[in-house]
Amino acid sequence: MTNNYSTYLAGILLFLALISFTSCDSSLTGGEKLSESSLLVEDVDSGGMLIEVSDEYELTGNYLLAANSNFIRRNLESVVRNLGGEVLFSHEGAGVALIAGLTADKAEILVGTKGVQQMEPEVMVQLESKLLAEPSESFAAEGAVMNDNPGGAAFFARQWHLNAISAPQAWSAGKTGSADVTVAILDTGIDYTYPDLVGLVDLDRSVSFIPGDDALVQAFFPGAHPIADLNYHGTHVAATVSSNALAAAGVTSKTTLMGVKVCDVFGSCPSGAVLAGMLHAADNGAHIINMSLGGLFLKSANPGFVSIINNVTNYARQQGSLIIVASGNSSVDLNRNIVPVEGGDFRAPSLFASYCDAPGVFCVSATGPVAAASVNGPWENVDAFATYSNYGSAINASAPGGFAAPVWAGCTTFSLQIPQCQTGFFVVGLSGTSMASPHAAGVAALIKADQPDINPAQLSRALEQSVDKIDGNGRSPFYGHGRVNAASAVGL
């Protein structure tokens, strides 16, 4: 919302038509339970989940606001209160705030107030995943501890994605990460009680920006921390970055995780929660912020949203955080703004990929095998570009996201979307750029552990320079500089 509210509302309709979040095309392959017996569970699709997911996008009724720091510090609360609204959060350093309770007329008044630069509606975007396979059981380990041999994980044999980035070579050299390095996971939360994650999540710095989820957590799991993952996505992403490697290995096994819940049980992510989560992570010492989410919208119709995003990402970088984001799963040519649609392609003017097009972020596309003989391989061409992945000059590097075979990691025992995961310690297979991003974040955490004094720009360059070249020696629109390599990243 600039200074013309009507034009801005028309623009948001185009935004809603174009936006597609990173996880929307992710596929979820079963759940593998850790215990000694065998269990056959019937296939579960979206209709069989405890809570169904809607396909619709919607406005929350709240507004994102950009304003100068003096206005936020001195006038914001009183001005909004006098208009009948409420400030849900504000951040003087980044010059942003989230406002609730305003009618369209009152919003028009606020955007015209001296000191207010931009206003945009907060959008709620729906995520989707599918459970495709039947869970089976293995064993349950007791007493999760830091693991110096991640390759000993129960289901490591199926984790083609960690071999693809030469993670075992890094582990063999003692490069398993450091508790002094923190990666913030902006997602649906984290199951901090899952054996692979016990002791790795800093609950004191973890926070939820989803009040509705907080109530659900206490209703279903009284006493649980608000970041308890009622979905499944966030736990899978977190355990890909750092895992005790009892069930499945992660890229690292000692990196500290910060849970920042910005998406709810249904997989819906309000844009205000995402921005607030980025600022919280940056202000609370996150060296790396992983964002397995994103969307597309028209810059020309939503200039204020671009400005707000840029303010937040610039602030996070200044605080010492490298933001690593997924490129998205819509097969969009981000250079030519070509969006695949039924019956052909649609050329959209002035697309902005959030958050790949934001300044200083590290954007990751996905790779995956084109064929798999079995769940434990062998796999064919694990470095093939995943055709669902968005691509273009915004891509910094690629990482395993899955294609003919998924990425494997733990399933939250708090899940209301996959209830069988409440009955034991399952692993699940997911595919998408959501899974590629945490592989890159894990490699970045290894670099940061080795070089603690490097800044975000240096860390980004080190991550780019340590890749394996997949598509020639230049920068590729599909692979960026190349596919991340954990061993090369730590000098091996």
Protein backbone atom coordinates (compact mmCIF):
# COMPACT_ATOMS: atom_id res chain seq x y z
CA MET A 1 0.00 0.00 0.00
CA THR A 2 1.56 3.21 -1.13
CA ASN A 3 -0.49 6.38 -0.98
CA ASN A 4 -3.28 4.96 -3.14
CA TYR A 5 -5.18 2.27 -1.28
CA SER A 6 -7.50 1.33 -4.19
CA THR A 7 -4.64 0.72 -6.62
CA TYR A 8 -2.92 -1.30 -3.96
CA LEU A 9 -5.94 -3.55 -3.35
CA ALA A 10 -6.22 -4.24 -7.08
CA GLY A 11 -2.56 -5.20 -7.09
CA ILE A 12 -2.97 -7.67 -4.28
CA LEU A 13 -5.43 -9.67 -6.37
CA LEU A 14 -2.64 -10.24 -8.90
CA PHE A 15 -0.36 -11.20 -6.03
CA LEU A 16 -2.82 -13.83 -4.86
CA ALA A 17 -3.05 -15.25 -8.37
CA LEU A 18 0.71 -15.61 -8.67
CA ILE A 19 1.96 -16.52 -5.21
CA SER A 20 3.07 -20.10 -4.66
CA PHE A 21 4.83 -21.15 -1.50
CA THR A 22 7.87 -23.37 -1.49
CA SER A 23 6.25 -26.37 0.11
CA CYS A 24 3.16 -26.39 -2.05
CA ASP A 25 4.54 -29.03 -4.39
CA SER A 26 6.53 -30.93 -1.80
CA SER A 27 5.71 -34.61 -1.61
CA LEU A 28 5.83 -36.55 1.63
CA THR A 29 6.82 -40.19 1.44
CA GLY A 30 5.49 -42.21 4.30
CA GLY A 31 6.81 -42.41 7.79
CA GLU A 32 9.39 -44.90 8.94
CA LYS A 33 8.87 -45.66 12.61
CA LEU A 34 11.71 -46.51 14.98
CA SER A 35 10.82 -49.68 16.94
CA GLU A 36 11.34 -53.40 16.59
CA SER A 37 8.10 -54.64 15.08
CA SER A 38 6.53 -54.15 11.70
CA LEU A 39 3.46 -52.01 11.16
CA LEU A 40 1.38 -51.54 8.05
CA VAL A 41 -0.58 -48.32 7.89
CA GLU A 42 -3.04 -47.60 5.10
CA ASP A 43 -2.23 -44.81 2.66
CA VAL A 44 -3.16 -41.39 3.93
CA ASP A 45 -4.00 -38.51 1.64
CA SER A 46 -5.21 -35.02 2.51
CA GLY A 47 -8.72 -36.34 3.11
CA GLY A 48 -7.43 -38.79 5.71
CA MET A 49 -5.48 -36.26 7.73
CA LEU A 50 -6.84 -35.15 11.09
CA ILE A 51 -7.03 -31.57 9.91
CA GLU A 52 -7.70 -30.85 6.26
CA VAL A 53 -5.82 -28.17 4.36
CA SER A 54 -7.60 -25.57 2.23
CA ASP A 55 -6.22 -24.58 -1.15
CA GLU A 56 -7.29 -20.94 -0.84
CA TYR A 57 -5.16 -17.90 -0.17
CA GLU A 58 -6.57 -15.14 1.98
CA LEU A 59 -5.89 -11.77 3.49
CA THR A 60 -5.63 -11.80 7.28
CA GLY A 61 -7.11 -8.32 7.69
CA ASN A 62 -3.86 -7.04 9.17
CA TYR A 63 -1.46 -4.56 7.58
CA LEU A 64 2.31 -4.48 7.27
CA LEU A 65 3.65 -0.99 7.72
CA ALA A 66 7.00 0.63 6.91
CA ALA A 67 7.80 3.84 8.76
CA ASN A 68 10.75 5.83 10.00
CA SER A 69 12.19 4.87 13.36
CA ASN A 70 11.14 8.09 15.08
CA PHE A 71 7.50 7.54 14.15
CA ILE A 72 7.60 3.95 15.37
CA ARG A 73 9.26 4.95 18.64
CA ARG A 74 7.20 8.04 19.43
CA ASN A 75 3.88 7.96 17.60
CA LEU A 76 2.92 4.54 16.25
CA GLU A 77 1.07 3.18 19.30
CA SER A 78 -0.99 6.31 19.92
CA VAL A 79 -1.85 6.93 16.25
CA VAL A 80 -2.97 3.34 15.70
CA ARG A 81 -4.91 3.28 18.96
CA ASN A 82 -6.74 6.48 18.05
CA LEU A 83 -7.75 4.88 14.75
CA GLY A 84 -9.20 1.90 16.60
CA GLY A 85 -6.38 -0.50 15.73
CA GLU A 86 -3.71 -2.46 17.56
CA VAL A 87 0.04 -2.81 17.01
CA LEU A 88 0.76 -6.54 16.98
CA PHE A 89 4.50 -6.03 16.67
CA SER A 90 6.89 -3.26 15.74
CA HIS A 91 10.61 -3.07 15.12
CA GLU A 92 12.31 0.29 15.23
CA GLY A 93 15.59 -0.94 13.74
CA ALA A 94 14.01 -2.34 10.60
CA GLY A 95 11.27 0.28 10.45
CA VAL A 96 8.38 -2.19 10.21
CA ALA A 97 5.22 -3.00 12.14
CA LEU A 98 2.14 -5.22 11.92
CA ILE A 99 -1.21 -3.54 12.54
CA ALA A 100 -4.58 -5.18 13.30
CA GLY A 101 -8.13 -3.92 13.65
CA LEU A 102 -8.24 -1.17 11.02
CA THR A 103 -11.07 -0.64 8.57
CA ALA A 104 -10.17 0.28 4.99
CA ASP A 105 -11.01 3.93 5.70
CA LYS A 106 -8.80 4.01 8.79
CA ALA A 107 -5.99 2.29 6.89
CA GLU A 108 -6.23 5.06 4.30
CA ILE A 109 -5.76 7.63 7.07
CA LEU A 110 -2.80 5.80 8.57
CA VAL A 111 -0.95 5.46 5.28
CA GLY A 112 -1.25 9.21 4.79
CA THR A 113 0.22 9.98 8.21
CA LYS A 114 3.57 11.76 8.32
CA GLY A 115 6.33 9.25 9.02
CA VAL A 116 4.52 6.29 7.40
CA GLN A 117 6.22 5.23 4.20
CA GLN A 118 4.32 2.16 2.98
CA MET A 119 1.48 -0.18 3.96
CA GLU A 120 0.64 -3.59 2.54
CA PRO A 121 -1.95 -6.21 3.51
CA GLU A 122 -0.75 -9.24 5.40
CA VAL A 123 -1.33 -12.36 3.30
CA MET A 124 -1.93 -15.88 4.59
CA VAL A 125 -0.59 -18.45 2.12
CA GLN A 126 -1.48 -22.13 2.30
CA LEU A 127 1.11 -24.90 2.18
CA GLU A 128 0.39 -28.47 1.10
CA SER A 129 2.10 -31.83 1.39
CA LYS A 130 1.04 -35.39 0.55
CA LEU A 131 1.67 -38.62 2.40
CA LEU A 132 2.42 -41.12 -0.34
CA ALA A 133 3.74 -44.32 1.25
CA GLU A 134 3.05 -46.75 4.08
CA PRO A 135 5.04 -46.41 7.30
CA SER A 136 7.08 -49.34 8.62
CA GLU A 137 8.87 -49.75 11.92
CA SER A 138 12.45 -50.28 13.04
CA PHE A 139 13.93 -49.68 16.50
CA ALA A 140 13.79 -46.99 19.15
CA ALA A 141 17.06 -45.76 20.67
CA GLU A 142 17.32 -44.48 24.23
CA GLY A 143 19.16 -41.38 25.45
CA ALA A 144 19.87 -39.16 22.47
CA VAL A 145 23.41 -37.78 22.58
CA MET A 146 25.65 -35.75 20.29
CA ASN A 147 26.73 -38.05 17.50
CA ASP A 148 30.27 -38.06 16.11
CA ASN A 149 29.35 -40.76 13.60
CA PRO A 150 26.18 -39.61 11.81
CA GLY A 151 26.63 -42.37 9.24
CA GLY A 152 25.53 -44.80 11.95
CA ALA A 153 21.95 -43.51 11.87
CA ALA A 154 19.31 -46.23 11.53
CA PHE A 155 18.06 -44.99 8.17
CA PHE A 156 21.27 -43.56 6.77
CA ALA A 157 21.33 -46.13 3.97
CA ARG A 158 18.47 -44.31 2.24
CA GLN A 159 19.91 -40.82 2.69
CA TRP A 160 21.37 -40.44 -0.80
CA HIS A 161 21.16 -36.66 -0.31
CA LEU A 162 23.91 -36.56 2.34
CA ASN A 163 26.27 -38.67 0.24
CA ALA A 164 25.51 -36.37 -2.70
CA ILE A 165 27.02 -33.42 -0.83
CA SER A 166 29.99 -35.44 0.54
CA ALA A 167 28.81 -35.03 4.13
CA PRO A 168 30.35 -38.37 5.28
CA GLN A 169 33.79 -37.17 4.21
CA ALA A 170 33.37 -34.08 6.37
CA TRP A 171 32.22 -36.17 9.34
CA SER A 172 35.19 -38.53 8.97
CA ALA A 173 37.45 -35.52 9.41
CA GLY A 174 35.63 -34.55 12.61
CA LYS A 175 33.61 -31.77 10.97
CA THR A 176 30.18 -32.26 12.55
CA GLY A 177 29.42 -28.66 13.47
CA SER A 178 29.59 -26.59 16.65
CA ALA A 179 27.08 -25.72 19.36
CA ASP A 180 28.45 -22.18 19.13
CA VAL A 181 26.78 -21.80 15.72
CA THR A 182 23.03 -21.17 15.65
CA VAL A 183 20.69 -21.83 12.74
CA ALA A 184 17.18 -20.39 13.07
CA ILE A 185 14.45 -22.50 11.47
CA LEU A 186 11.55 -20.28 10.32
CA ASP A 187 8.83 -22.83 9.75
CA THR A 188 5.94 -24.74 11.38
CA GLY A 189 7.96 -25.29 14.58
CA ILE A 190 10.25 -28.07 15.76
CA ASP A 191 9.67 -31.25 17.75
CA TYR A 192 12.39 -30.65 20.32
CA THR A 193 11.50 -33.99 22.02
CA TYR A 194 12.25 -36.11 18.95
CA PRO A 195 15.40 -38.23 19.64
CA ASP A 196 17.30 -36.77 16.69
CA LEU A 197 16.69 -33.25 18.03
CA VAL A 198 16.86 -33.63 21.82
CA GLY A 199 19.42 -31.17 23.22
CA LEU A 200 19.93 -29.35 19.92
CA VAL A 201 17.08 -26.82 20.14
CA ASP A 202 17.64 -23.68 22.24
CA LEU A 203 14.17 -23.28 23.73
CA ASP A 204 15.08 -20.06 25.53
CA ARG A 205 15.57 -18.31 22.19
CA SER A 206 12.79 -20.15 20.39
CA VAL A 207 9.45 -18.42 19.88
CA SER A 208 6.08 -18.71 18.16
CA PHE A 209 4.51 -15.91 16.14
CA ILE A 210 1.33 -17.95 15.56
CA PRO A 211 -1.06 -17.30 18.50
CA GLY A 212 -3.71 -19.67 17.16
CA ASP A 213 -1.20 -22.50 17.17
CA ASP A 214 -0.15 -21.65 20.75
CA ALA A 215 -3.70 -22.39 21.91
CA LEU A 216 -3.79 -25.66 19.96
CA VAL A 217 -0.47 -26.76 21.45
CA GLN A 218 -1.78 -26.28 24.97
CA ALA A 219 -5.09 -27.95 24.14
CA PHE A 220 -3.54 -31.08 22.64
CA PHE A 221 -0.17 -31.16 24.44
CA PRO A 222 -0.45 -29.23 27.75
CA GLY A 223 2.87 -27.84 28.93
CA ALA A 224 4.62 -28.15 25.58
CA HIS A 225 6.71 -25.26 24.29
CA PRO A 226 4.82 -23.06 21.79
CA ILE A 227 7.18 -24.09 18.98
CA ALA A 228 5.89 -27.69 19.15
CA ASP A 229 5.43 -28.65 15.49
CA LEU A 230 1.78 -29.59 14.89
CA ASN A 231 2.44 -29.96 11.15
CA TYR A 232 5.62 -31.90 10.14
CA HIS A 233 7.47 -29.59 7.76
CA GLY A 234 9.56 -27.65 10.29
CA THR A 235 10.82 -30.71 12.16
CA HIS A 236 11.94 -32.31 8.89
CA VAL A 237 13.78 -29.13 7.87
CA ALA A 238 15.40 -28.72 11.31
CA ALA A 239 16.62 -32.33 11.46
CA THR A 240 18.15 -31.95 8.00
CA VAL A 241 20.33 -29.12 9.31
CA SER A 242 21.31 -30.73 12.62
CA SER A 243 20.53 -34.18 14.02
CA ASN A 244 21.72 -36.53 16.73
CA ALA A 245 21.61 -39.14 13.96
CA LEU A 246 19.77 -41.87 15.83
CA ALA A 247 17.04 -42.26 13.22
CA ALA A 248 18.32 -40.17 10.31
CA ALA A 249 21.45 -38.07 9.96
CA GLY A 250 21.53 -34.34 9.29
CA VAL A 251 24.25 -32.35 7.57
CA THR A 252 25.63 -31.56 11.04
CA SER A 253 25.15 -33.12 14.47
CA LYS A 254 26.18 -30.37 16.88
CA THR A 255 24.77 -27.14 15.43
CA THR A 256 22.36 -25.31 17.75
CA LEU A 257 18.84 -24.80 16.39
CA MET A 258 16.49 -21.92 17.15
CA GLY A 259 12.84 -22.70 16.50
CA VAL A 260 10.86 -19.75 15.12
CA LYS A 261 7.27 -20.74 14.37
CA VAL A 262 5.90 -18.61 11.52
CA CYS A 263 3.55 -21.18 9.93
CA ASP A 264 0.61 -22.90 11.61
CA VAL A 265 -0.71 -26.45 11.93
CA PHE A 266 -2.32 -26.14 8.51
CA GLY A 267 0.93 -24.97 6.91
CA SER A 268 -0.33 -21.38 6.58
CA CYS A 269 2.31 -18.67 6.88
CA PRO A 270 1.21 -15.06 7.52
CA SER A 271 3.68 -12.64 5.94
CA GLY A 272 3.83 -10.58 9.14
CA ALA A 273 4.82 -13.63 11.17
CA VAL A 274 7.58 -14.44 8.69
CA LEU A 275 9.05 -10.93 8.87
CA ALA A 276 8.74 -10.83 12.66
CA GLY A 277 10.48 -14.21 12.79
CA MET A 278 13.37 -12.97 10.67
CA LEU A 279 13.85 -10.00 12.98
CA HIS A 280 13.65 -12.15 16.12
CA ALA A 281 16.24 -14.56 14.76
CA ALA A 282 18.60 -11.74 13.79
CA ASP A 283 18.21 -10.00 17.15
CA ASN A 284 18.80 -13.22 19.08
CA GLY A 285 22.08 -14.33 17.61
CA ALA A 286 21.17 -16.54 14.66
CA HIS A 287 24.23 -16.86 12.43
CA ILE A 288 22.11 -18.48 9.71
CA ILE A 289 18.37 -18.17 9.09
CA ASN A 290 16.78 -20.97 7.07
CA MET A 291 13.56 -20.11 5.26
CA SER A 292 12.02 -23.04 3.41
CA LEU A 293 9.19 -20.82 2.22
CA GLY A 294 8.62 -18.07 -0.31
CA GLY A 295 6.34 -16.76 -3.02
CA LEU A 296 5.99 -14.69 -6.17
CA PHE A 297 4.24 -11.35 -6.61
CA LEU A 298 4.20 -8.37 -8.94
CA LYS A 299 6.61 -5.63 -7.94
CA SER A 300 4.65 -3.03 -9.88
CA ALA A 301 1.47 -3.80 -7.97
CA ASN A 302 3.07 -4.22 -4.56
CA PRO A 303 6.05 -1.85 -4.30
CA GLY A 304 5.55 -1.44 -0.57
CA PHE A 305 5.96 -5.15 0.10
CA VAL A 306 9.29 -5.15 -1.77
CA SER A 307 10.46 -2.23 0.36
CA ILE A 308 9.40 -3.90 3.61
CA ILE A 309 11.11 -7.19 2.71
CA ASN A 310 14.29 -5.37 1.72
CA ASN A 311 14.29 -3.42 4.99
CA VAL A 312 14.05 -6.63 6.99
CA THR A 313 16.65 -8.63 5.06
CA ASN A 314 19.10 -5.72 5.14
CA TYR A 315 18.64 -5.41 8.90
CA ALA A 316 19.19 -9.14 9.43
CA ARG A 317 22.41 -9.06 7.44
CA GLN A 318 23.64 -6.06 9.42
CA GLN A 319 23.02 -8.03 12.61
CA GLY A 320 25.24 -10.84 11.33
CA SER A 321 22.72 -13.31 9.93
CA LEU A 322 22.98 -15.03 6.56
CA ILE A 323 19.48 -15.77 5.25
CA ILE A 324 19.24 -18.97 3.19
CA VAL A 325 16.00 -19.42 1.26
CA ALA A 326 14.36 -21.98 -1.00
CA SER A 327 13.80 -20.93 -4.59
CA GLY A 328 10.25 -22.34 -4.81
CA ASN A 329 8.56 -25.28 -6.51
CA SER A 330 6.64 -23.73 -9.42
CA SER A 331 9.12 -24.31 -12.30
CA VAL A 332 9.20 -20.55 -12.83
CA ASP A 333 11.84 -18.89 -15.00
CA LEU A 334 12.72 -16.04 -12.64
CA ASN A 335 14.79 -14.25 -15.29
CA ARG A 336 12.05 -14.01 -17.92
CA ASN A 337 9.13 -14.02 -15.44
CA ILE A 338 7.57 -17.03 -17.16
CA VAL A 339 5.09 -18.94 -15.02
CA PRO A 340 3.92 -22.39 -16.22
CA VAL A 341 0.13 -22.63 -16.29
CA GLU A 342 -2.30 -25.19 -17.67
CA GLY A 343 -2.24 -25.03 -21.45
CA GLY A 344 0.98 -23.05 -21.77
CA ASP A 345 3.13 -20.40 -20.12
CA PHE A 346 2.18 -17.03 -18.67
CA ARG A 347 4.62 -14.12 -18.84
CA ALA A 348 4.19 -11.96 -15.74
CA PRO A 349 5.66 -8.46 -15.69
CA SER A 350 8.07 -7.46 -12.93
CA LEU A 351 7.90 -10.58 -10.75
CA PHE A 352 9.53 -10.45 -7.32
CA ALA A 353 10.52 -13.80 -5.81
CA SER A 354 10.26 -13.63 -2.06
CA TYR A 355 12.67 -14.11 -0.72
CA CYS A 356 15.21 -14.96 -3.44
CA ASP A 357 15.19 -11.46 -4.94
CA ALA A 358 15.79 -9.74 -1.61
CA PRO A 359 19.25 -8.22 -1.05
CA GLY A 360 21.94 -10.37 0.52
CA VAL A 361 20.01 -13.64 0.73
CA PHE A 362 21.34 -17.01 -0.46
CA CYS A 363 18.83 -18.69 -2.77
CA VAL A 364 18.87 -22.47 -3.28
CA SER A 365 17.41 -24.60 -6.08
CA ALA A 366 16.83 -28.35 -5.85
CA THR A 367 18.48 -31.46 -7.27
CA GLY A 368 17.45 -35.10 -7.07
CA PRO A 369 17.86 -38.51 -8.67
CA VAL A 370 15.93 -39.34 -11.82
CA ALA A 371 15.44 -42.97 -10.77
CA ALA A 372 15.84 -45.20 -7.71
CA ALA A 373 16.04 -49.01 -7.77
CA SER A 374 14.80 -49.21 -4.17
CA VAL A 375 14.44 -47.05 -1.07
CA ASN A 376 18.12 -47.77 -0.36
CA GLY A 377 19.22 -47.19 -3.94
CA PRO A 378 21.09 -47.35 -6.11
CA TRP A 379 20.06 -43.98 -7.47
CA GLU A 380 20.56 -42.60 -10.94
CA ASN A 381 22.01 -39.11 -11.47
CA VAL A 382 21.49 -37.64 -8.00
CA ASP A 383 22.61 -34.22 -9.28
CA ALA A 384 19.85 -33.90 -11.87
CA PHE A 385 18.04 -30.58 -11.68
CA ALA A 386 14.62 -31.06 -10.09
CA THR A 387 12.19 -29.83 -12.70
CA TYR A 388 9.75 -28.42 -10.12
CA SER A 389 12.39 -25.98 -8.90
CA ASN A 390 12.28 -22.28 -9.82
CA TYR A 391 15.42 -21.11 -11.60
CA GLY A 392 17.24 -18.02 -12.80
CA SER A 393 20.10 -15.68 -12.00
CA ALA A 394 18.86 -15.32 -8.41
CA ILE A 395 20.01 -18.88 -7.66
CA ASN A 396 23.25 -18.92 -5.65
CA ALA A 397 23.64 -22.70 -5.46
CA SER A 398 21.72 -25.95 -5.61
CA ALA A 399 21.31 -28.71 -3.04
CA PRO A 400 19.45 -32.03 -2.76
CA GLY A 401 15.69 -31.57 -2.61
CA GLY A 402 14.54 -34.90 -3.96
CA PHE A 403 12.85 -36.05 -7.14
CA ALA A 404 12.57 -39.79 -7.86
CA ALA A 405 13.69 -40.32 -4.26
CA PRO A 406 12.82 -38.02 -1.34
CA VAL A 407 14.87 -36.45 1.43
CA TRP A 408 14.53 -38.35 4.71
CA ALA A 409 14.32 -36.86 8.23
CA GLY A 410 12.28 -37.11 11.43
CA CYS A 411 8.51 -36.64 11.79
CA THR A 412 7.20 -34.60 14.72
CA THR A 413 5.47 -36.55 17.48
CA PHE A 414 3.19 -33.52 17.93
CA SER A 415 1.78 -33.81 14.40
CA LEU A 416 -1.96 -33.27 13.96
CA GLN A 417 -1.56 -33.64 10.20
CA ILE A 418 0.04 -37.11 10.31
CA PRO A 419 -1.44 -38.60 13.51
CA GLN A 420 0.51 -41.86 13.31
CA CYS A 421 3.66 -39.83 13.97
CA GLN A 422 2.32 -39.27 17.50
CA THR A 423 2.59 -43.01 18.16
CA GLY A 424 6.38 -43.35 17.87
CA PHE A 425 9.52 -42.03 16.26
CA PHE A 426 8.95 -41.98 12.50
CA VAL A 427 11.04 -40.65 9.65
CA VAL A 428 9.35 -39.21 6.58
CA GLY A 429 10.42 -38.54 3.02
CA LEU A 430 9.79 -35.10 1.55
CA SER A 431 10.73 -33.55 -1.78
CA GLY A 432 10.95 -29.87 -2.66
CA THR A 433 13.22 -26.85 -2.56
CA SER A 434 12.16 -26.71 1.10
CA MET A 435 14.47 -29.68 1.57
CA ALA A 436 17.30 -28.20 -0.51
CA SER A 437 17.60 -25.05 1.58
CA PRO A 438 18.44 -26.80 4.90
CA HIS A 439 21.19 -28.81 3.19
CA ALA A 440 22.82 -25.51 2.23
CA ALA A 441 22.16 -24.10 5.71
CA GLY A 442 23.86 -27.12 7.26
CA VAL A 443 26.93 -26.69 5.05
CA ALA A 444 27.00 -22.98 5.94
CA ALA A 445 26.94 -23.99 9.62
CA LEU A 446 30.00 -26.20 9.06
CA ILE A 447 31.84 -23.26 7.47
CA LYS A 448 30.86 -20.95 10.31
CA ALA A 449 32.08 -23.50 12.87
CA ASP A 450 35.47 -23.56 11.13
CA GLN A 451 35.62 -19.80 10.55
CA PRO A 452 33.68 -18.18 13.41
CA ASP A 453 34.76 -14.63 12.60
CA ILE A 454 33.45 -14.43 9.03
CA ASN A 455 30.52 -12.11 8.29
CA PRO A 456 27.38 -13.02 6.29
CA ALA A 457 28.80 -11.80 2.97
CA GLN A 458 31.99 -13.81 3.49
CA LEU A 459 29.99 -16.86 4.54
CA SER A 460 27.86 -16.58 1.41
CA ARG A 461 30.97 -16.40 -0.79
CA ALA A 462 32.60 -19.34 0.99
CA LEU A 463 29.46 -21.40 0.41
CA GLU A 464 29.44 -20.48 -3.29
CA GLN A 465 33.16 -21.12 -3.75
CA SER A 466 33.06 -24.61 -2.24
CA VAL A 467 30.42 -26.05 -4.56
CA ASP A 468 30.80 -28.82 -7.11
CA LYS A 469 30.35 -27.53 -10.64
CA ILE A 470 27.48 -29.44 -12.24
CA ASP A 471 26.55 -27.39 -15.29
CA GLY A 472 29.83 -26.10 -16.70
CA ASN A 473 32.26 -23.64 -15.14
CA GLY A 474 30.07 -20.56 -15.22
CA ARG A 475 27.04 -19.61 -13.18
CA SER A 476 24.01 -21.64 -14.20
CA PRO A 477 20.38 -20.50 -13.94
CA PHE A 478 19.58 -23.99 -12.66
CA TYR A 479 22.46 -24.71 -10.27
CA GLY A 480 23.77 -21.23 -9.53
CA HIS A 481 27.49 -21.59 -8.83
CA GLY A 482 27.02 -25.35 -8.37
CA ARG A 483 25.77 -27.96 -5.91
CA VAL A 484 26.90 -27.49 -2.30
CA ASN A 485 29.69 -29.75 -1.00
CA ALA A 486 30.18 -30.20 2.76
CA ALA A 487 33.70 -31.63 2.49
CA SER A 488 34.98 -28.90 0.19
CA ALA A 489 33.36 -26.28 2.43
CA VAL A 490 35.64 -27.29 5.31
CA GLY A 491 38.77 -27.53 3.17
CA LEU A 492 38.85 -31.25 2.43
